Amino acid sequence: MATPSRLSRISRIQAFTEQGVTLAYPARSWSGVREDDGAVVIGMREAEVQVSADGFRCLLWSPVIEGATEWIDRPIKQERLGHCRLAFACGGADGLVVCGARAEVEPGFVLSLRVEKLGAEYWAFWGTLSACASGESVLWRERAHASAEQARLAA
């Protein structure tokens, strides 16, 4: 039986639409620019989120290593790079955590990401481990205002 949280999840495409983002390639895009304010919105696979010394992080983009993969969607890779560059220049982005094989998102929950360029890679950072360890909440941001959501990624 599915949990109530599982029942309320929406598709990745619908989550971007609710954030005011029209994806260039809906079936393949994982980032876009919000139409009303120009903010970058980036989807991140939950399985790729890592715990770091100062909170959470996720690799957003890295260069293609020729021969390391048989196939890569180069137009989508370039699209993501452009969004990472824009987010880095603007100081951050909004993040959607995409869960499971069905690529679903908790509606209304948006992370406020700090985007950094480390070497040739772009990374997203957010939250703090001290907040998770003490049982406090990691900040999640709804589109109009900040709200708190229990840190389920810490488990």
C-alpha atoms as a PDB file:
ATOM      1  CA  MET A   1       0.000   0.000   0.000  1.00  0.00           C
ATOM      2  CA  ALA A   2       1.297   3.441  -0.927  1.00  0.00           C
ATOM      3  CA  THR A   3       1.872   6.059   1.739  1.00  0.00           C
ATOM      4  CA  PRO A   4      -0.170   9.300   1.638  1.00  0.00           C
ATOM      5  CA  SER A   5       3.003  11.133   0.586  1.00  0.00           C
ATOM      6  CA  ARG A   6       3.443   8.738  -2.334  1.00  0.00           C
ATOM      7  CA  LEU A   7      -0.161   9.278  -3.435  1.00  0.00           C
ATOM      8  CA  SER A   8       0.295  13.040  -3.570  1.00  0.00           C
ATOM      9  CA  ARG A   9       3.366  13.047  -5.806  1.00  0.00           C
ATOM     10  CA  ILE A  10       3.150  14.540  -9.273  1.00  0.00           C
ATOM     11  CA  SER A  11       5.122  13.942 -12.453  1.00  0.00           C
ATOM     12  CA  ARG A  12       8.407  15.734 -13.056  1.00  0.00           C
ATOM     13  CA  ILE A  13       6.885  17.539 -16.042  1.00  0.00           C
ATOM     14  CA  GLN A  14       3.875  18.670 -13.983  1.00  0.00           C
ATOM     15  CA  ALA A  15       6.184  19.888 -11.183  1.00  0.00           C
ATOM     16  CA  PHE A  16       8.092  22.084 -13.645  1.00  0.00           C
ATOM     17  CA  THR A  17       4.805  23.378 -15.056  1.00  0.00           C
ATOM     18  CA  GLU A  18       3.607  24.269 -11.532  1.00  0.00           C
ATOM     19  CA  GLN A  19       6.855  26.236 -11.082  1.00  0.00           C
ATOM     20  CA  GLY A  20       6.070  28.254 -14.218  1.00  0.00           C
ATOM     21  CA  VAL A  21       8.694  26.487 -16.355  1.00  0.00           C
ATOM     22  CA  THR A  22       7.980  25.311 -19.879  1.00  0.00           C
ATOM     23  CA  LEU A  23      10.515  22.576 -20.606  1.00  0.00           C
ATOM     24  CA  ALA A  24      12.218  22.789 -24.003  1.00  0.00           C
ATOM     25  CA  TYR A  25      12.086  18.993 -24.393  1.00  0.00           C
ATOM     26  CA  PRO A  26       9.441  17.774 -21.905  1.00  0.00           C
ATOM     27  CA  ALA A  27      10.351  14.099 -22.111  1.00  0.00           C
ATOM     28  CA  ARG A  28      14.090  14.770 -21.654  1.00  0.00           C
ATOM     29  CA  SER A  29      14.710  18.166 -19.996  1.00  0.00           C
ATOM     30  CA  TRP A  30      15.564  18.259 -16.301  1.00  0.00           C
ATOM     31  CA  SER A  31      15.994  22.031 -15.942  1.00  0.00           C
ATOM     32  CA  GLY A  32      14.479  25.240 -17.219  1.00  0.00           C
ATOM     33  CA  VAL A  33      13.889  28.928 -16.590  1.00  0.00           C
ATOM     34  CA  ARG A  34      10.784  30.200 -14.824  1.00  0.00           C
ATOM     35  CA  GLU A  35       8.918  32.488 -17.184  1.00  0.00           C
ATOM     36  CA  ASP A  36       7.720  35.134 -14.711  1.00  0.00           C
ATOM     37  CA  ASP A  37      10.991  35.892 -12.869  1.00  0.00           C
ATOM     38  CA  GLY A  38      13.775  34.220 -14.883  1.00  0.00           C
ATOM     39  CA  ALA A  39      14.841  31.939 -12.020  1.00  0.00           C
ATOM     40  CA  VAL A  40      16.477  28.631 -12.919  1.00  0.00           C
ATOM     41  CA  VAL A  41      14.638  25.504 -11.747  1.00  0.00           C
ATOM     42  CA  ILE A  42      16.622  22.263 -11.679  1.00  0.00           C
ATOM     43  CA  GLY A  43      15.427  18.694 -11.175  1.00  0.00           C
ATOM     44  CA  MET A  44      17.702  16.349  -9.232  1.00  0.00           C
ATOM     45  CA  ARG A  45      17.305  12.591  -8.865  1.00  0.00           C
ATOM     46  CA  GLU A  46      16.818  11.700  -5.205  1.00  0.00           C
ATOM     47  CA  ALA A  47      19.252   8.774  -5.578  1.00  0.00           C
ATOM     48  CA  GLU A  48      22.010  11.205  -6.652  1.00  0.00           C
ATOM     49  CA  VAL A  49      21.719  13.435  -3.563  1.00  0.00           C
ATOM     50  CA  GLN A  50      24.770  13.099  -1.317  1.00  0.00           C
ATOM     51  CA  VAL A  51      25.372  14.037   2.294  1.00  0.00           C
ATOM     52  CA  SER A  52      28.334  16.393   2.602  1.00  0.00           C
ATOM     53  CA  ALA A  53      30.160  17.877   5.577  1.00  0.00           C
ATOM     54  CA  ASP A  54      27.930  20.953   5.553  1.00  0.00           C
ATOM     55  CA  GLY A  55      24.568  19.616   4.376  1.00  0.00           C
ATOM     56  CA  PHE A  56      23.451  18.089   1.119  1.00  0.00           C
ATOM     57  CA  ARG A  57      24.827  18.247  -2.400  1.00  0.00           C
ATOM     58  CA  CYS A  58      24.086  16.955  -5.872  1.00  0.00           C
ATOM     59  CA  LEU A  59      26.184  16.957  -9.027  1.00  0.00           C
ATOM     60  CA  LEU A  60      24.258  18.957 -11.616  1.00  0.00           C
ATOM     61  CA  TRP A  61      26.598  18.794 -14.605  1.00  0.00           C
ATOM     62  CA  SER A  62      29.960  17.354 -15.560  1.00  0.00           C
ATOM     63  CA  PRO A  63      31.785  17.222 -18.876  1.00  0.00           C
ATOM     64  CA  VAL A  64      31.380  14.202 -21.129  1.00  0.00           C
ATOM     65  CA  ILE A  65      34.232  11.753 -20.810  1.00  0.00           C
ATOM     66  CA  GLU A  66      34.626  10.434 -24.328  1.00  0.00           C
ATOM     67  CA  GLY A  67      34.500   6.655 -24.455  1.00  0.00           C
ATOM     68  CA  ALA A  68      33.126   6.372 -20.918  1.00  0.00           C
ATOM     69  CA  THR A  69      29.572   6.050 -22.141  1.00  0.00           C
ATOM     70  CA  GLU A  70      28.142   4.573 -25.297  1.00  0.00           C
ATOM     71  CA  TRP A  71      25.385   7.137 -25.661  1.00  0.00           C
ATOM     72  CA  ILE A  72      24.667  10.570 -24.266  1.00  0.00           C
ATOM     73  CA  ASP A  73      21.974  13.100 -25.103  1.00  0.00           C
ATOM     74  CA  ARG A  74      24.274  15.984 -26.059  1.00  0.00           C
ATOM     75  CA  PRO A  75      21.530  18.609 -26.671  1.00  0.00           C
ATOM     76  CA  ILE A  76      20.117  17.995 -23.170  1.00  0.00           C
ATOM     77  CA  LYS A  77      23.628  18.056 -21.701  1.00  0.00           C
ATOM     78  CA  GLN A  78      24.214  21.466 -23.344  1.00  0.00           C
ATOM     79  CA  GLU A  79      20.824  22.718 -22.145  1.00  0.00           C
ATOM     80  CA  ARG A  80      21.666  21.702 -18.566  1.00  0.00           C
ATOM     81  CA  LEU A  81      25.098  23.358 -18.826  1.00  0.00           C
ATOM     82  CA  GLY A  82      23.453  26.617 -19.900  1.00  0.00           C
ATOM     83  CA  HIS A  83      21.060  26.477 -16.948  1.00  0.00           C
ATOM     84  CA  CYS A  84      23.929  25.690 -14.547  1.00  0.00           C
ATOM     85  CA  ARG A  85      25.928  28.647 -15.856  1.00  0.00           C
ATOM     86  CA  LEU A  86      22.922  30.935 -15.433  1.00  0.00           C
ATOM     87  CA  ALA A  87      22.223  29.643 -11.900  1.00  0.00           C
ATOM     88  CA  PHE A  88      25.891  30.103 -10.958  1.00  0.00           C
ATOM     89  CA  ALA A  89      25.879  33.663 -12.323  1.00  0.00           C
ATOM     90  CA  CYS A  90      22.644  34.461 -10.455  1.00  0.00           C
ATOM     91  CA  GLY A  91      23.827  32.883  -7.213  1.00  0.00           C
ATOM     92  CA  GLY A  92      21.434  29.974  -7.072  1.00  0.00           C
ATOM     93  CA  ALA A  93      18.429  28.090  -8.348  1.00  0.00           C
ATOM     94  CA  ASP A  94      15.274  26.398  -7.178  1.00  0.00           C
ATOM     95  CA  GLY A  95      15.530  22.622  -6.948  1.00  0.00           C
ATOM     96  CA  LEU A  96      13.046  19.802  -7.383  1.00  0.00           C
ATOM     97  CA  VAL A  97      13.883  16.394  -5.892  1.00  0.00           C
ATOM     98  CA  VAL A  98      12.705  13.766  -8.375  1.00  0.00           C
ATOM     99  CA  CYS A  99      11.930  10.396  -6.809  1.00  0.00           C
ATOM    100  CA  GLY A 100      12.019   6.856  -8.129  1.00  0.00           C
ATOM    101  CA  ALA A 101      11.688   5.229 -11.511  1.00  0.00           C
ATOM    102  CA  ARG A 102       8.407   7.062 -12.117  1.00  0.00           C
ATOM    103  CA  ALA A 103      10.215  10.419 -11.779  1.00  0.00           C
ATOM    104  CA  GLU A 104       7.746  11.963  -9.352  1.00  0.00           C
ATOM    105  CA  VAL A 105       8.028  15.102  -7.208  1.00  0.00           C
ATOM    106  CA  GLU A 106       6.415  16.143  -3.939  1.00  0.00           C
ATOM    107  CA  PRO A 107       4.084  18.984  -5.003  1.00  0.00           C
ATOM    108  CA  GLY A 108       4.937  22.429  -3.679  1.00  0.00           C
ATOM    109  CA  PHE A 109       8.332  21.490  -2.228  1.00  0.00           C
ATOM    110  CA  VAL A 110      11.193  23.424  -3.741  1.00  0.00           C
ATOM    111  CA  LEU A 111      14.746  23.590  -2.424  1.00  0.00           C
ATOM    112  CA  SER A 112      16.678  26.828  -2.425  1.00  0.00           C
ATOM    113  CA  LEU A 113      19.983  25.760  -3.997  1.00  0.00           C
ATOM    114  CA  ARG A 114      23.412  27.354  -3.925  1.00  0.00           C
ATOM    115  CA  VAL A 115      25.048  26.475  -7.258  1.00  0.00           C
ATOM    116  CA  GLU A 116      28.835  26.328  -7.388  1.00  0.00           C
ATOM    117  CA  LYS A 117      31.356  25.528 -10.081  1.00  0.00           C
ATOM    118  CA  LEU A 118      34.038  23.153  -8.804  1.00  0.00           C
ATOM    119  CA  GLY A 119      36.656  22.545 -11.466  1.00  0.00           C
ATOM    120  CA  ALA A 120      34.693  21.727 -14.603  1.00  0.00           C
ATOM    121  CA  GLU A 121      31.611  20.513 -12.688  1.00  0.00           C
ATOM    122  CA  TYR A 122      28.528  22.291 -11.362  1.00  0.00           C
ATOM    123  CA  TRP A 123      27.148  21.252  -7.967  1.00  0.00           C
ATOM    124  CA  ALA A 124      24.063  22.196  -5.934  1.00  0.00           C
ATOM    125  CA  PHE A 125      24.360  22.632  -2.157  1.00  0.00           C
ATOM    126  CA  TRP A 126      21.647  23.130   0.478  1.00  0.00           C
ATOM    127  CA  GLY A 127      20.691  22.455   4.089  1.00  0.00           C
ATOM    128  CA  THR A 128      22.871  21.681   7.077  1.00  0.00           C
ATOM    129  CA  LEU A 129      23.718  18.445   8.819  1.00  0.00           C
ATOM    130  CA  SER A 130      23.482  20.108  12.210  1.00  0.00           C
ATOM    131  CA  ALA A 131      19.802  20.852  11.554  1.00  0.00           C
ATOM    132  CA  CYS A 132      19.188  17.223  10.609  1.00  0.00           C
ATOM    133  CA  ALA A 133      21.097  15.854  13.605  1.00  0.00           C
ATOM    134  CA  SER A 134      19.148  18.029  16.017  1.00  0.00           C
ATOM    135  CA  GLY A 135      15.792  17.096  14.494  1.00  0.00           C
ATOM    136  CA  GLU A 136      15.213  20.569  13.113  1.00  0.00           C
ATOM    137  CA  SER A 137      13.951  21.083   9.597  1.00  0.00           C
ATOM    138  CA  VAL A 138      15.888  21.709   6.443  1.00  0.00           C
ATOM    139  CA  LEU A 139      14.541  24.758   4.665  1.00  0.00           C
ATOM    140  CA  TRP A 140      12.387  23.999   1.675  1.00  0.00           C
ATOM    141  CA  ARG A 141      11.000  26.935  -0.227  1.00  0.00           C
ATOM    142  CA  GLU A 142       7.590  27.146  -1.711  1.00  0.00           C
ATOM    143  CA  ARG A 143       7.333  29.446  -4.674  1.00  0.00           C
ATOM    144  CA  ALA A 144       5.808  32.378  -2.803  1.00  0.00           C
ATOM    145  CA  HIS A 145       7.391  31.993   0.633  1.00  0.00           C
ATOM    146  CA  ALA A 146       9.720  29.922   2.793  1.00  0.00           C
ATOM    147  CA  SER A 147       8.364  26.950   4.678  1.00  0.00           C
ATOM    148  CA  ALA A 148       9.906  24.091   6.604  1.00  0.00           C
ATOM    149  CA  GLU A 149       9.724  20.394   5.726  1.00  0.00           C
ATOM    150  CA  GLN A 150      11.212  17.592   7.829  1.00  0.00           C
ATOM    151  CA  ALA A 151      14.561  16.450   6.423  1.00  0.00           C
ATOM    152  CA  ARG A 152      13.701  13.072   4.955  1.00  0.00           C
ATOM    153  CA  LEU A 153      16.900  13.006   2.890  1.00  0.00           C
ATOM    154  CA  ALA A 154      18.983  12.624   6.040  1.00  0.00           C
ATOM    155  CA  ALA A 155      17.826   9.069   6.646  1.00  0.00           C
END
